[in-house]
Amino acid sequence: MSNELQFIKGVNKLHAFYTENVRMLAHAYDLSDEDAARILDRFDFKNVARSILYPPQVDLFDRGPDLAP
């Protein structure tokens, strides 16, 4: 696989991981995904605001071969 494709796959994994952490943080503050998305959008976090409204794309407990220490 080319370096560029590996890079894009890595960025996608990082974005999914970040999105899930933002979703968990919102839930810790008793915010629904929709409320959190509205707040994030208001403060110009447009990508993550949109992303948290979709189903999770990453299993936070599956380290997988690319995230192994």
PDB file of N, CA and C in Angstrom:
ATOM      1  N   MET A   1       0.846  -1.176   0.000  1.00  0.00           N
ATOM      2  CA  MET A   1       0.000   0.000   0.000  1.00  0.00           C
ATOM      3  C   MET A   1       0.893   1.242   0.000  1.00  0.00           C
ATOM      4  N   SER A   2       0.491   2.266  -0.699  1.00  0.00           N
ATOM      5  CA  SER A   2       1.322   3.470  -0.805  1.00  0.00           C
ATOM      6  C   SER A   2       1.344   4.243   0.509  1.00  0.00           C
ATOM      7  N   ASN A   3       2.380   5.039   0.672  1.00  0.00           N
ATOM      8  CA  ASN A   3       2.501   5.865   1.879  1.00  0.00           C
ATOM      9  C   ASN A   3       1.331   6.824   2.020  1.00  0.00           C
ATOM     10  N   GLU A   4       0.857   7.371   0.903  1.00  0.00           N
ATOM     11  CA  GLU A   4      -0.242   8.322   0.958  1.00  0.00           C
ATOM     12  C   GLU A   4      -1.511   7.662   1.487  1.00  0.00           C
ATOM     13  N   LEU A   5      -1.799   6.455   1.024  1.00  0.00           N
ATOM     14  CA  LEU A   5      -2.993   5.750   1.470  1.00  0.00           C
ATOM     15  C   LEU A   5      -2.871   5.365   2.945  1.00  0.00           C
ATOM     16  N   GLN A   6      -1.687   4.932   3.350  1.00  0.00           N
ATOM     17  CA  GLN A   6      -1.456   4.620   4.758  1.00  0.00           C
ATOM     18  C   GLN A   6      -1.647   5.866   5.618  1.00  0.00           C
ATOM     19  N   PHE A   7      -1.169   6.995   5.129  1.00  0.00           N
ATOM     20  CA  PHE A   7      -1.316   8.265   5.835  1.00  0.00           C
ATOM     21  C   PHE A   7      -2.799   8.607   6.011  1.00  0.00           C
ATOM     22  N   ILE A   8      -3.582   8.501   4.938  1.00  0.00           N
ATOM     23  CA  ILE A   8      -5.013   8.812   4.998  1.00  0.00           C
ATOM     24  C   ILE A   8      -5.723   7.859   5.962  1.00  0.00           C
ATOM     25  N   LYS A   9      -5.374   6.579   5.924  1.00  0.00           N
ATOM     26  CA  LYS A   9      -5.984   5.629   6.853  1.00  0.00           C
ATOM     27  C   LYS A   9      -5.635   5.989   8.296  1.00  0.00           C
ATOM     28  N   GLY A  10      -4.406   6.409   8.541  1.00  0.00           N
ATOM     29  CA  GLY A  10      -4.004   6.824   9.886  1.00  0.00           C
ATOM     30  C   GLY A  10      -4.755   8.048  10.357  1.00  0.00           C
ATOM     31  N   VAL A  11      -4.910   9.024   9.478  1.00  0.00           N
ATOM     32  CA  VAL A  11      -5.658  10.233   9.816  1.00  0.00           C
ATOM     33  C   VAL A  11      -7.113   9.887  10.112  1.00  0.00           C
ATOM     34  N   ASN A  12      -7.694   8.995   9.325  1.00  0.00           N
ATOM     35  CA  ASN A  12      -9.074   8.581   9.553  1.00  0.00           C
ATOM     36  C   ASN A  12      -9.224   7.925  10.924  1.00  0.00           C
ATOM     37  N   LYS A  13      -8.275   7.070  11.309  1.00  0.00           N
ATOM     38  CA  LYS A  13      -8.327   6.431  12.626  1.00  0.00           C
ATOM     39  C   LYS A  13      -8.199   7.461  13.740  1.00  0.00           C
ATOM     40  N   LEU A  14      -7.277   8.406  13.577  1.00  0.00           N
ATOM     41  CA  LEU A  14      -7.110   9.440  14.598  1.00  0.00           C
ATOM     42  C   LEU A  14      -8.366  10.292  14.736  1.00  0.00           C
ATOM     43  N   HIS A  15      -8.963  10.655  13.613  1.00  0.00           N
ATOM     44  CA  HIS A  15     -10.180  11.471  13.640  1.00  0.00           C
ATOM     45  C   HIS A  15     -11.311  10.713  14.319  1.00  0.00           C
ATOM     46  N   ALA A  16     -11.449   9.418  14.004  1.00  0.00           N
ATOM     47  CA  ALA A  16     -12.495   8.610  14.629  1.00  0.00           C
ATOM     48  C   ALA A  16     -12.250   8.495  16.132  1.00  0.00           C
ATOM     49  N   PHE A  17     -11.010   8.287  16.531  1.00  0.00           N
ATOM     50  CA  PHE A  17     -10.672   8.185  17.943  1.00  0.00           C
ATOM     51  C   PHE A  17     -10.972   9.501  18.658  1.00  0.00           C
ATOM     52  N   TYR A  18     -10.581  10.614  18.058  1.00  0.00           N
ATOM     53  CA  TYR A  18     -10.837  11.937  18.630  1.00  0.00           C
ATOM     54  C   TYR A  18     -12.343  12.182  18.765  1.00  0.00           C
ATOM     55  N   THR A  19     -13.091  11.830  17.736  1.00  0.00           N
ATOM     56  CA  THR A  19     -14.538  12.022  17.750  1.00  0.00           C
ATOM     57  C   THR A  19     -15.182  11.241  18.886  1.00  0.00           C
ATOM     58  N   GLU A  20     -14.751  10.013  19.088  1.00  0.00           N
ATOM     59  CA  GLU A  20     -15.318   9.205  20.166  1.00  0.00           C
ATOM     60  C   GLU A  20     -14.969   9.782  21.530  1.00  0.00           C
ATOM     61  N   ASN A  21     -13.789  10.344  21.677  1.00  0.00           N
ATOM     62  CA  ASN A  21     -13.426  10.985  22.937  1.00  0.00           C
ATOM     63  C   ASN A  21     -14.269  12.220  23.191  1.00  0.00           C
ATOM     64  N   VAL A  22     -14.563  12.978  22.157  1.00  0.00           N
ATOM     65  CA  VAL A  22     -15.428  14.152  22.298  1.00  0.00           C
ATOM     66  C   VAL A  22     -16.841  13.701  22.679  1.00  0.00           C
ATOM     67  N   ARG A  23     -17.317  12.624  22.069  1.00  0.00           N
ATOM     68  CA  ARG A  23     -18.645  12.093  22.394  1.00  0.00           C
ATOM     69  C   ARG A  23     -18.694  11.654  23.860  1.00  0.00           C
ATOM     70  N   MET A  24     -17.660  10.967  24.333  1.00  0.00           N
ATOM     71  CA  MET A  24     -17.630  10.536  25.737  1.00  0.00           C
ATOM     72  C   MET A  24     -17.587  11.739  26.677  1.00  0.00           C
ATOM     73  N   LEU A  25     -16.852  12.775  26.301  1.00  0.00           N
ATOM     74  CA  LEU A  25     -16.789  13.982  27.121  1.00  0.00           C
ATOM     75  C   LEU A  25     -18.163  14.639  27.200  1.00  0.00           C
ATOM     76  N   ALA A  26     -18.851  14.707  26.081  1.00  0.00           N
ATOM     77  CA  ALA A  26     -20.208  15.278  26.070  1.00  0.00           C
ATOM     78  C   ALA A  26     -21.117  14.488  26.995  1.00  0.00           C
ATOM     79  N   HIS A  27     -21.042  13.176  26.941  1.00  0.00           N
ATOM     80  CA  HIS A  27     -21.889  12.339  27.796  1.00  0.00           C
ATOM     81  C   HIS A  27     -21.519  12.518  29.266  1.00  0.00           C
ATOM     82  N   ALA A  28     -20.247  12.760  29.549  1.00  0.00           N
ATOM     83  CA  ALA A  28     -19.823  12.998  30.934  1.00  0.00           C
ATOM     84  C   ALA A  28     -20.463  14.271  31.490  1.00  0.00           C
ATOM     85  N   TYR A  29     -20.769  15.216  30.614  1.00  0.00           N
ATOM     86  CA  TYR A  29     -21.432  16.456  31.014  1.00  0.00           C
ATOM     87  C   TYR A  29     -22.944  16.385  30.790  1.00  0.00           C
ATOM     88  N   ASP A  30     -23.450  15.172  30.640  1.00  0.00           N
ATOM     89  CA  ASP A  30     -24.884  14.926  30.437  1.00  0.00           C
ATOM     90  C   ASP A  30     -25.461  15.661  29.228  1.00  0.00           C
ATOM     91  N   LEU A  31     -24.672  15.743  28.166  1.00  0.00           N
ATOM     92  CA  LEU A  31     -25.143  16.341  26.915  1.00  0.00           C
ATOM     93  C   LEU A  31     -25.431  15.228  25.922  1.00  0.00           C
ATOM     94  N   SER A  32     -26.529  15.357  25.213  1.00  0.00           N
ATOM     95  CA  SER A  32     -26.805  14.412  24.133  1.00  0.00           C
ATOM     96  C   SER A  32     -25.855  14.722  22.981  1.00  0.00           C
ATOM     97  N   ASP A  33     -25.741  13.793  22.051  1.00  0.00           N
ATOM     98  CA  ASP A  33     -24.899  14.031  20.877  1.00  0.00           C
ATOM     99  C   ASP A  33     -25.391  15.263  20.112  1.00  0.00           C
ATOM    100  N   GLU A  34     -26.707  15.409  20.032  1.00  0.00           N
ATOM    101  CA  GLU A  34     -27.280  16.537  19.294  1.00  0.00           C
ATOM    102  C   GLU A  34     -26.978  17.869  19.985  1.00  0.00           C
ATOM    103  N   ASP A  35     -27.123  17.916  21.319  1.00  0.00           N
ATOM    104  CA  ASP A  35     -26.814  19.149  22.045  1.00  0.00           C
ATOM    105  C   ASP A  35     -25.330  19.487  21.924  1.00  0.00           C
ATOM    106  N   ALA A  36     -24.482  18.473  22.062  1.00  0.00           N
ATOM    107  CA  ALA A  36     -23.041  18.696  21.939  1.00  0.00           C
ATOM    108  C   ALA A  36     -22.703  19.200  20.535  1.00  0.00           C
ATOM    109  N   ALA A  37     -23.345  18.631  19.518  1.00  0.00           N
ATOM    110  CA  ALA A  37     -23.080  19.063  18.140  1.00  0.00           C
ATOM    111  C   ALA A  37     -23.473  20.522  17.939  1.00  0.00           C
ATOM    112  N   ARG A  38     -24.591  20.935  18.514  1.00  0.00           N
ATOM    113  CA  ARG A  38     -25.014  22.337  18.387  1.00  0.00           C
ATOM    114  C   ARG A  38     -24.000  23.271  19.062  1.00  0.00           C
ATOM    115  N   ILE A  39     -23.536  22.887  20.250  1.00  0.00           N
ATOM    116  CA  ILE A  39     -22.558  23.716  20.961  1.00  0.00           C
ATOM    117  C   ILE A  39     -21.251  23.791  20.176  1.00  0.00           C
ATOM    118  N   LEU A  40     -20.783  22.641  19.716  1.00  0.00           N
ATOM    119  CA  LEU A  40     -19.536  22.615  18.951  1.00  0.00           C
ATOM    120  C   LEU A  40     -19.648  23.436  17.671  1.00  0.00           C
ATOM    121  N   ASP A  41     -20.773  23.336  16.999  1.00  0.00           N
ATOM    122  CA  ASP A  41     -20.983  24.102  15.770  1.00  0.00           C
ATOM    123  C   ASP A  41     -20.964  25.603  16.045  1.00  0.00           C
ATOM    124  N   ARG A  42     -21.566  25.987  17.157  1.00  0.00           N
ATOM    125  CA  ARG A  42     -21.609  27.402  17.523  1.00  0.00           C
ATOM    126  C   ARG A  42     -20.203  27.965  17.757  1.00  0.00           C
ATOM    127  N   PHE A  43     -19.278  27.106  18.210  1.00  0.00           N
ATOM    128  CA  PHE A  43     -17.908  27.543  18.459  1.00  0.00           C
ATOM    129  C   PHE A  43     -16.966  27.151  17.325  1.00  0.00           C
ATOM    130  N   ASP A  44     -17.529  26.855  16.177  1.00  0.00           N
ATOM    131  CA  ASP A  44     -16.796  26.613  14.931  1.00  0.00           C
ATOM    132  C   ASP A  44     -16.005  25.305  14.887  1.00  0.00           C
ATOM    133  N   PHE A  45     -16.417  24.309  15.683  1.00  0.00           N
ATOM    134  CA  PHE A  45     -15.840  22.971  15.591  1.00  0.00           C
ATOM    135  C   PHE A  45     -16.727  22.151  14.660  1.00  0.00           C
ATOM    136  N   LYS A  46     -16.807  22.584  13.424  1.00  0.00           N
ATOM    137  CA  LYS A  46     -17.785  22.043  12.479  1.00  0.00           C
ATOM    138  C   LYS A  46     -17.569  20.565  12.155  1.00  0.00           C
ATOM    139  N   ASN A  47     -16.319  20.150  11.946  1.00  0.00           N
ATOM    140  CA  ASN A  47     -16.065  18.751  11.567  1.00  0.00           C
ATOM    141  C   ASN A  47     -16.479  17.785  12.659  1.00  0.00           C
ATOM    142  N   VAL A  48     -16.074  18.056  13.892  1.00  0.00           N
ATOM    143  CA  VAL A  48     -16.421  17.132  14.976  1.00  0.00           C
ATOM    144  C   VAL A  48     -17.901  17.240  15.325  1.00  0.00           C
ATOM    145  N   ALA A  49     -18.486  18.424  15.181  1.00  0.00           N
ATOM    146  CA  ALA A  49     -19.922  18.581  15.423  1.00  0.00           C
ATOM    147  C   ALA A  49     -20.713  17.677  14.486  1.00  0.00           C
ATOM    148  N   ARG A  50     -20.294  17.628  13.258  1.00  0.00           N
ATOM    149  CA  ARG A  50     -20.962  16.776  12.268  1.00  0.00           C
ATOM    150  C   ARG A  50     -20.654  15.300  12.538  1.00  0.00           C
ATOM    151  N   SER A  51     -19.417  15.008  12.902  1.00  0.00           N
ATOM    152  CA  SER A  51     -18.988  13.617  13.072  1.00  0.00           C
ATOM    153  C   SER A  51     -19.646  12.915  14.248  1.00  0.00           C
ATOM    154  N   ILE A  52     -19.887  13.627  15.348  1.00  0.00           N
ATOM    155  CA  ILE A  52     -20.454  12.936  16.515  1.00  0.00           C
ATOM    156  C   ILE A  52     -21.911  12.541  16.310  1.00  0.00           C
ATOM    157  N   LEU A  53     -22.533  13.038  15.252  1.00  0.00           N
ATOM    158  CA  LEU A  53     -23.914  12.662  14.967  1.00  0.00           C
ATOM    159  C   LEU A  53     -24.015  11.335  14.217  1.00  0.00           C
ATOM    160  N   TYR A  54     -22.881  10.808  13.767  1.00  0.00           N
ATOM    161  CA  TYR A  54     -22.851   9.515  13.074  1.00  0.00           C
ATOM    162  C   TYR A  54     -22.468   8.422  14.066  1.00  0.00           C
ATOM    163  N   PRO A  55     -22.822   7.178  13.778  1.00  0.00           N
ATOM    164  CA  PRO A  55     -22.443   6.075  14.678  1.00  0.00           C
ATOM    165  C   PRO A  55     -20.918   5.988  14.822  1.00  0.00           C
ATOM    166  N   PRO A  56     -20.456   5.476  15.961  1.00  0.00           N
ATOM    167  CA  PRO A  56     -19.009   5.348  16.174  1.00  0.00           C
ATOM    168  C   PRO A  56     -18.339   4.548  15.069  1.00  0.00           C
ATOM    169  N   GLN A  57     -17.132   4.968  14.705  1.00  0.00           N
ATOM    170  CA  GLN A  57     -16.371   4.286  13.664  1.00  0.00           C
ATOM    171  C   GLN A  57     -15.155   3.563  14.226  1.00  0.00           C
ATOM    172  N   VAL A  58     -14.976   3.633  15.524  1.00  0.00           N
ATOM    173  CA  VAL A  58     -13.799   3.021  16.119  1.00  0.00           C
ATOM    174  C   VAL A  58     -14.188   2.384  17.440  1.00  0.00           C
ATOM    175  N   ASP A  59     -13.574   1.249  17.726  1.00  0.00           N
ATOM    176  CA  ASP A  59     -13.751   0.598  19.015  1.00  0.00           C
ATOM    177  C   ASP A  59     -12.595   1.062  19.897  1.00  0.00           C
ATOM    178  N   LEU A  60     -12.892   1.826  20.926  1.00  0.00           N
ATOM    179  CA  LEU A  60     -11.842   2.391  21.766  1.00  0.00           C
ATOM    180  C   LEU A  60     -11.043   1.329  22.508  1.00  0.00           C
ATOM    181  N   PHE A  61     -11.579   0.126  22.602  1.00  0.00           N
ATOM    182  CA  PHE A  61     -10.876  -0.924  23.330  1.00  0.00           C
ATOM    183  C   PHE A  61     -10.111  -1.861  22.410  1.00  0.00           C
ATOM    184  N   ASP A  62     -10.222  -1.687  21.108  1.00  0.00           N
ATOM    185  CA  ASP A  62      -9.493  -2.506  20.139  1.00  0.00           C
ATOM    186  C   ASP A  62      -8.273  -1.727  19.684  1.00  0.00           C
ATOM    187  N   ARG A  63      -7.110  -2.085  20.202  1.00  0.00           N
ATOM    188  CA  ARG A  63      -5.899  -1.358  19.851  1.00  0.00           C
ATOM    189  C   ARG A  63      -5.444  -1.676  18.439  1.00  0.00           C
ATOM    190  N   GLY A  64      -5.735  -2.861  17.956  1.00  0.00           N
ATOM    191  CA  GLY A  64      -5.405  -3.222  16.594  1.00  0.00           C
ATOM    192  C   GLY A  64      -3.914  -3.196  16.329  1.00  0.00           C
ATOM    193  N   PRO A  65      -3.489  -3.705  15.174  1.00  0.00           N
ATOM    194  CA  PRO A  65      -2.060  -3.775  14.874  1.00  0.00           C
ATOM    195  C   PRO A  65      -1.411  -2.416  14.659  1.00  0.00           C
ATOM    196  N   ASP A  66      -2.165  -1.420  14.172  1.00  0.00           N
ATOM    197  CA  ASP A  66      -1.568  -0.107  13.898  1.00  0.00           C
ATOM    198  C   ASP A  66      -1.387   0.724  15.154  1.00  0.00           C
ATOM    199  N   LEU A  67      -2.121   0.412  16.235  1.00  0.00           N
ATOM    200  CA  LEU A  67      -2.026   1.201  17.444  1.00  0.00           C
ATOM    201  C   LEU A  67      -1.308   0.464  18.568  1.00  0.00           C
ATOM    202  N   ALA A  68      -0.768  -0.712  18.263  1.00  0.00           N
ATOM    203  CA  ALA A  68      -0.071  -1.500  19.282  1.00  0.00           C
ATOM    204  C   ALA A  68       1.197  -0.767  19.720  1.00  0.00           C
ATOM    205  N   PRO A  69       1.548  -0.878  21.007  1.00  0.00           N
ATOM    206  CA  PRO A  69       2.758  -0.192  21.484  1.00  0.00           C
ATOM    207  C   PRO A  69       4.020  -0.766  20.907  1.00  0.00           C
TER     208      PRO A  69
END
